[in-house]
Amino acid sequence: MTDFSLLVTAGPQRPGALTALRTARALQNSPYSLYRLFFYGDGVLLAQRLLNTDGGADDTARAWQQWVRDTAPPASVCVGAAYKRGVTEETLAGGFRLVGLGDWVDALNHGGRVVHFG
């Protein structure tokens, strides 16, 4: 079985954020395995439970948050990128966790495939 890790750098207002969610959902319903989701750059805003963007972007972030809550994939949020954008432990949506870049290095070393959504 092939493992996939998804790197999401697209913020909630970018089409790549929704494409990444659709890909993650498809992987969960396939013979492939989702090893890790890693949110970096503006992608960390998808994990912010206190949304303050326009309606369409809010919908994308809410969809991500509900999916992570419902399916409990390994949803890692880069702590440095998060703090830079005002996302803290207190504002993080359920199911996401703040981690260092070491988690991303682990995903890269784990093997399988990496897909980037920016």
C-alpha atoms as a PDB file:
ATOM      1  CA  MET A   1       0.000   0.000   0.000  1.00  0.00           C
ATOM      2  CA  THR A   2       1.296   3.464  -0.872  1.00  0.00           C
ATOM      3  CA  ASP A   3       1.298   6.131   1.816  1.00  0.00           C
ATOM      4  CA  PHE A   4       0.599   9.741   0.918  1.00  0.00           C
ATOM      5  CA  SER A   5       1.520  12.893   2.811  1.00  0.00           C
ATOM      6  CA  LEU A   6      -0.185  16.140   1.860  1.00  0.00           C
ATOM      7  CA  LEU A   7       1.506  19.515   2.297  1.00  0.00           C
ATOM      8  CA  VAL A   8      -1.118  22.267   2.393  1.00  0.00           C
ATOM      9  CA  THR A   9       0.240  25.797   2.027  1.00  0.00           C
ATOM     10  CA  ALA A  10      -2.876  27.263   0.392  1.00  0.00           C
ATOM     11  CA  GLY A  11      -4.865  29.515   2.694  1.00  0.00           C
ATOM     12  CA  PRO A  12      -8.657  29.268   2.963  1.00  0.00           C
ATOM     13  CA  GLN A  13      -9.191  31.801   0.175  1.00  0.00           C
ATOM     14  CA  ARG A  14      -7.136  29.807  -2.376  1.00  0.00           C
ATOM     15  CA  PRO A  15      -8.589  27.055  -4.614  1.00  0.00           C
ATOM     16  CA  GLY A  16      -5.737  24.730  -3.608  1.00  0.00           C
ATOM     17  CA  ALA A  17      -7.165  24.468  -0.083  1.00  0.00           C
ATOM     18  CA  LEU A  18     -10.403  22.953  -1.352  1.00  0.00           C
ATOM     19  CA  THR A  19      -8.558  20.718  -3.832  1.00  0.00           C
ATOM     20  CA  ALA A  20      -6.389  19.437  -0.974  1.00  0.00           C
ATOM     21  CA  LEU A  21      -9.501  18.601   1.064  1.00  0.00           C
ATOM     22  CA  ARG A  22     -11.047  16.730  -1.852  1.00  0.00           C
ATOM     23  CA  THR A  23      -7.806  14.791  -2.308  1.00  0.00           C
ATOM     24  CA  ALA A  24      -7.602  13.915   1.388  1.00  0.00           C
ATOM     25  CA  ARG A  25     -11.208  12.678   1.322  1.00  0.00           C
ATOM     26  CA  ALA A  26     -10.511  10.606  -1.785  1.00  0.00           C
ATOM     27  CA  LEU A  27      -7.445   9.017  -0.183  1.00  0.00           C
ATOM     28  CA  GLN A  28      -9.495   7.974   2.837  1.00  0.00           C
ATOM     29  CA  ASN A  29     -11.913   6.154   0.520  1.00  0.00           C
ATOM     30  CA  SER A  30      -9.252   4.395  -1.539  1.00  0.00           C
ATOM     31  CA  PRO A  31      -6.778   1.546  -1.187  1.00  0.00           C
ATOM     32  CA  TYR A  32      -4.101   4.165  -0.372  1.00  0.00           C
ATOM     33  CA  SER A  33      -3.147   5.422   3.060  1.00  0.00           C
ATOM     34  CA  LEU A  34      -2.962   9.017   4.277  1.00  0.00           C
ATOM     35  CA  TYR A  35       0.182   9.168   6.405  1.00  0.00           C
ATOM     36  CA  ARG A  36       0.122  12.855   7.340  1.00  0.00           C
ATOM     37  CA  LEU A  37      -1.466  16.197   6.601  1.00  0.00           C
ATOM     38  CA  PHE A  38       0.948  19.052   7.178  1.00  0.00           C
ATOM     39  CA  PHE A  39      -0.314  22.635   7.175  1.00  0.00           C
ATOM     40  CA  TYR A  40       2.323  25.285   6.537  1.00  0.00           C
ATOM     41  CA  GLY A  41       2.378  28.916   5.433  1.00  0.00           C
ATOM     42  CA  ASP A  42      -1.123  30.316   4.943  1.00  0.00           C
ATOM     43  CA  GLY A  43      -2.429  26.748   5.111  1.00  0.00           C
ATOM     44  CA  VAL A  44      -2.279  27.003   8.916  1.00  0.00           C
ATOM     45  CA  LEU A  45      -5.279  29.361   8.729  1.00  0.00           C
ATOM     46  CA  LEU A  46      -7.432  26.352   7.811  1.00  0.00           C
ATOM     47  CA  ALA A  47      -6.907  25.111  11.382  1.00  0.00           C
ATOM     48  CA  GLN A  48      -7.938  28.382  13.054  1.00  0.00           C
ATOM     49  CA  ARG A  49     -11.255  27.937  14.793  1.00  0.00           C
ATOM     50  CA  LEU A  50     -11.790  31.712  15.025  1.00  0.00           C
ATOM     51  CA  LEU A  51     -12.483  32.525  11.403  1.00  0.00           C
ATOM     52  CA  ASN A  52     -12.320  36.093  10.138  1.00  0.00           C
ATOM     53  CA  THR A  53     -12.272  35.843   6.352  1.00  0.00           C
ATOM     54  CA  ASP A  54     -14.926  36.204   3.668  1.00  0.00           C
ATOM     55  CA  GLY A  55     -17.793  33.692   3.391  1.00  0.00           C
ATOM     56  CA  GLY A  56     -16.265  31.366   0.788  1.00  0.00           C
ATOM     57  CA  ALA A  57     -12.981  31.080   2.661  1.00  0.00           C
ATOM     58  CA  ASP A  58     -14.849  30.487   5.927  1.00  0.00           C
ATOM     59  CA  ASP A  59     -16.720  27.630   4.241  1.00  0.00           C
ATOM     60  CA  THR A  60     -13.456  26.009   3.123  1.00  0.00           C
ATOM     61  CA  ALA A  61     -11.904  26.287   6.597  1.00  0.00           C
ATOM     62  CA  ARG A  62     -15.078  24.949   8.245  1.00  0.00           C
ATOM     63  CA  ALA A  63     -15.160  22.017   5.815  1.00  0.00           C
ATOM     64  CA  TRP A  64     -11.547  21.166   6.675  1.00  0.00           C
ATOM     65  CA  GLN A  65     -12.232  21.451  10.394  1.00  0.00           C
ATOM     66  CA  GLN A  66     -15.323  19.266  10.256  1.00  0.00           C
ATOM     67  CA  TRP A  67     -13.548  16.624   8.174  1.00  0.00           C
ATOM     68  CA  VAL A  68     -10.557  16.538  10.552  1.00  0.00           C
ATOM     69  CA  ARG A  69     -12.921  16.313  13.551  1.00  0.00           C
ATOM     70  CA  ASP A  70     -14.969  13.513  11.949  1.00  0.00           C
ATOM     71  CA  THR A  71     -12.139  11.368  10.542  1.00  0.00           C
ATOM     72  CA  ALA A  72      -9.208  12.115  12.883  1.00  0.00           C
ATOM     73  CA  PRO A  73      -6.385  12.030  10.330  1.00  0.00           C
ATOM     74  CA  PRO A  74      -2.883  13.045  11.479  1.00  0.00           C
ATOM     75  CA  ALA A  75      -3.388  16.818  10.983  1.00  0.00           C
ATOM     76  CA  SER A  76      -0.158  18.624  11.867  1.00  0.00           C
ATOM     77  CA  VAL A  77       0.136  22.420  11.889  1.00  0.00           C
ATOM     78  CA  CYS A  78       3.576  24.024  11.797  1.00  0.00           C
ATOM     79  CA  VAL A  79       3.931  25.904  15.076  1.00  0.00           C
ATOM     80  CA  GLY A  80       6.229  28.603  13.656  1.00  0.00           C
ATOM     81  CA  ALA A  81       3.952  29.403  10.721  1.00  0.00           C
ATOM     82  CA  ALA A  82       0.917  29.273  13.014  1.00  0.00           C
ATOM     83  CA  TYR A  83       2.280  31.710  15.605  1.00  0.00           C
ATOM     84  CA  LYS A  84       3.352  34.077  12.829  1.00  0.00           C
ATOM     85  CA  ARG A  85      -0.293  34.185  11.670  1.00  0.00           C
ATOM     86  CA  GLY A  86      -1.899  34.413  15.100  1.00  0.00           C
ATOM     87  CA  VAL A  87      -2.916  30.756  15.371  1.00  0.00           C
ATOM     88  CA  THR A  88      -2.208  29.499  18.874  1.00  0.00           C
ATOM     89  CA  GLU A  89      -3.118  26.446  20.943  1.00  0.00           C
ATOM     90  CA  GLU A  90      -6.153  28.388  22.195  1.00  0.00           C
ATOM     91  CA  THR A  91      -7.424  29.211  18.686  1.00  0.00           C
ATOM     92  CA  LEU A  92      -6.648  25.841  17.094  1.00  0.00           C
ATOM     93  CA  ALA A  93      -9.666  23.836  15.918  1.00  0.00           C
ATOM     94  CA  GLY A  94     -10.226  20.376  17.364  1.00  0.00           C
ATOM     95  CA  GLY A  95      -8.270  17.525  15.799  1.00  0.00           C
ATOM     96  CA  PHE A  96      -5.329  19.675  14.680  1.00  0.00           C
ATOM     97  CA  ARG A  97      -2.071  19.779  16.604  1.00  0.00           C
ATOM     98  CA  LEU A  98       0.815  22.213  16.619  1.00  0.00           C
ATOM     99  CA  VAL A  99       4.124  20.561  15.731  1.00  0.00           C
ATOM    100  CA  GLY A 100       7.619  21.428  14.622  1.00  0.00           C
ATOM    101  CA  LEU A 101       9.084  20.842  11.178  1.00  0.00           C
ATOM    102  CA  GLY A 102      10.394  17.509  12.421  1.00  0.00           C
ATOM    103  CA  ASP A 103       6.944  16.047  11.757  1.00  0.00           C
ATOM    104  CA  TRP A 104       7.240  17.081   8.117  1.00  0.00           C
ATOM    105  CA  VAL A 105      10.729  15.590   7.886  1.00  0.00           C
ATOM    106  CA  ASP A 106       9.265  12.363   9.285  1.00  0.00           C
ATOM    107  CA  ALA A 107       6.613  12.402   6.556  1.00  0.00           C
ATOM    108  CA  LEU A 108       9.269  12.904   3.889  1.00  0.00           C
ATOM    109  CA  ASN A 109      11.404  10.077   5.277  1.00  0.00           C
ATOM    110  CA  HIS A 110       8.477   7.727   5.687  1.00  0.00           C
ATOM    111  CA  GLY A 111       8.379   7.040   1.980  1.00  0.00           C
ATOM    112  CA  GLY A 112       5.422   6.966  -0.315  1.00  0.00           C
ATOM    113  CA  ARG A 113       4.193  10.051  -2.113  1.00  0.00           C
ATOM    114  CA  VAL A 114       4.058  13.740  -1.257  1.00  0.00           C
ATOM    115  CA  VAL A 115       1.519  16.077  -2.817  1.00  0.00           C
ATOM    116  CA  HIS A 116       1.753  19.856  -2.326  1.00  0.00           C
ATOM    117  CA  PHE A 117      -1.263  22.159  -2.529  1.00  0.00           C
ATOM    118  CA  GLY A 118      -0.246  25.798  -2.657  1.00  0.00           C
END
